[in-house]
Protein backbone atom coordinates (compact mmCIF):
# COMPACT_ATOMS: atom_id res chain seq x y z
CA MET A 1 -79.93 -47.28 160.29
CA LYS A 2 -80.88 -47.89 156.71
CA THR A 3 -78.19 -48.66 154.09
CA GLU A 4 -78.54 -48.06 150.37
CA LEU A 5 -76.29 -48.53 147.37
CA VAL A 6 -75.34 -45.40 145.49
CA THR A 7 -76.97 -46.87 142.38
CA THR A 8 -80.22 -47.28 144.31
CA LEU A 9 -79.97 -43.66 145.39
CA LYS A 10 -79.54 -42.61 141.77
CA ARG A 11 -82.62 -44.57 140.70
CA GLN A 12 -84.88 -43.99 143.67
CA ALA A 13 -83.76 -40.66 145.16
CA THR A 14 -87.30 -39.31 145.58
CA LYS A 15 -88.47 -42.43 147.43
CA ILE A 16 -85.38 -42.58 149.62
CA LEU A 17 -85.73 -38.90 150.54
CA ALA A 18 -89.44 -39.33 151.28
CA ASP A 19 -88.65 -42.25 153.61
CA LEU A 20 -85.86 -40.23 155.21
CA HIS A 21 -88.21 -37.32 155.97
CA LYS A 22 -90.91 -39.69 157.23
CA THR A 23 -88.73 -41.82 159.53
CA ARG A 24 -85.95 -39.26 160.20
CA GLU A 25 -83.60 -42.26 160.17
CA PRO A 26 -80.20 -41.53 158.57
CA VAL A 27 -79.33 -43.46 155.43
CA LEU A 28 -75.82 -44.80 154.87
CA ILE A 29 -74.87 -44.68 151.18
CA THR A 30 -72.31 -47.24 150.04
CA GLU A 31 -70.12 -47.42 146.94
CA HIS A 32 -68.41 -50.66 146.00
CA GLY A 33 -69.43 -52.11 149.35
CA GLN A 34 -67.75 -49.30 151.34
CA PRO A 35 -69.44 -46.52 153.30
CA SER A 36 -69.44 -43.33 151.27
CA ALA A 37 -71.87 -40.82 152.77
CA TYR A 38 -74.80 -40.33 155.10
CA LEU A 39 -78.11 -38.79 154.19
CA VAL A 40 -79.74 -37.01 157.12
CA ASP A 41 -82.80 -34.84 157.51
CA VAL A 42 -82.02 -31.10 157.29
CA ASP A 43 -83.51 -30.33 160.72
CA ASP A 44 -81.51 -33.17 162.29
CA PHE A 45 -78.32 -31.96 160.62
CA GLU A 46 -78.84 -28.39 161.85
CA GLN A 47 -79.51 -29.67 165.37
CA MET A 48 -76.29 -31.72 165.23
CA GLN A 49 -74.36 -28.64 164.09
CA SER A 50 -75.80 -26.61 166.97
CA ARG A 51 -74.86 -29.33 169.48
CA MET A 52 -71.35 -29.51 168.07
CA SER A 53 -70.98 -25.75 168.45
CA ILE A 54 -72.04 -25.93 172.09
CA LEU A 55 -69.70 -28.86 172.78
CA GLU A 56 -66.79 -27.02 171.13
CA GLY A 57 -67.47 -24.02 173.38
CA ILE A 58 -67.47 -26.23 176.45
CA ALA A 59 -64.22 -27.88 175.33
CA LYS A 60 -62.59 -24.46 174.87
CA GLY A 61 -63.72 -23.43 178.35
CA GLU A 62 -62.37 -26.64 179.88
CA LYS A 63 -59.06 -26.14 178.10
CA ALA A 64 -58.80 -22.54 179.30
CA ALA A 65 -59.54 -23.63 182.88
CA PHE A 66 -56.96 -26.43 182.66
CA GLU A 67 -54.37 -23.94 181.37
CA GLY A 68 -55.18 -21.51 184.16
CA ARG A 69 -56.68 -18.88 181.87
CA ILE A 70 -59.53 -18.01 184.23
CA TYR A 71 -60.73 -14.78 185.84
CA SER A 72 -62.40 -13.96 189.12
CA GLU A 73 -65.90 -12.50 188.95
CA ILE A 74 -64.50 -9.00 189.55
CA GLU A 75 -61.85 -9.39 186.84
CA ALA A 76 -64.45 -10.71 184.42
CA GLU A 77 -66.78 -7.78 185.14
CA GLU A 78 -63.93 -5.30 184.57
CA ARG A 79 -62.97 -6.92 181.27
CA MET A 80 -66.59 -7.13 180.09
CA SER A 81 -67.40 -3.56 181.10
CA LYS A 82 -65.12 -2.36 178.29
CA TRP A 83 -67.34 -4.17 175.75
CA LEU A 84 -70.68 -3.40 177.36
CA LYS A 85 -70.41 0.41 177.31
């Protein structure tokens, strides 16, 4: 992963963005020697968001199963039939 100072970003934003789009490698931006932000390609960010949404759905399902909030196939069909009319 590439690391850049915030002052370098200010001066060379166009070049840094061009490199980011070319390599698709995230860029860590630092301020006063401390991590401050990441620059990531838009497509990569949207893909990460999609993956997070899927993982959150799986986690909710696992939690529901652990808590016993599950339905048989017949019960599920009955509950869904109300919505699918």
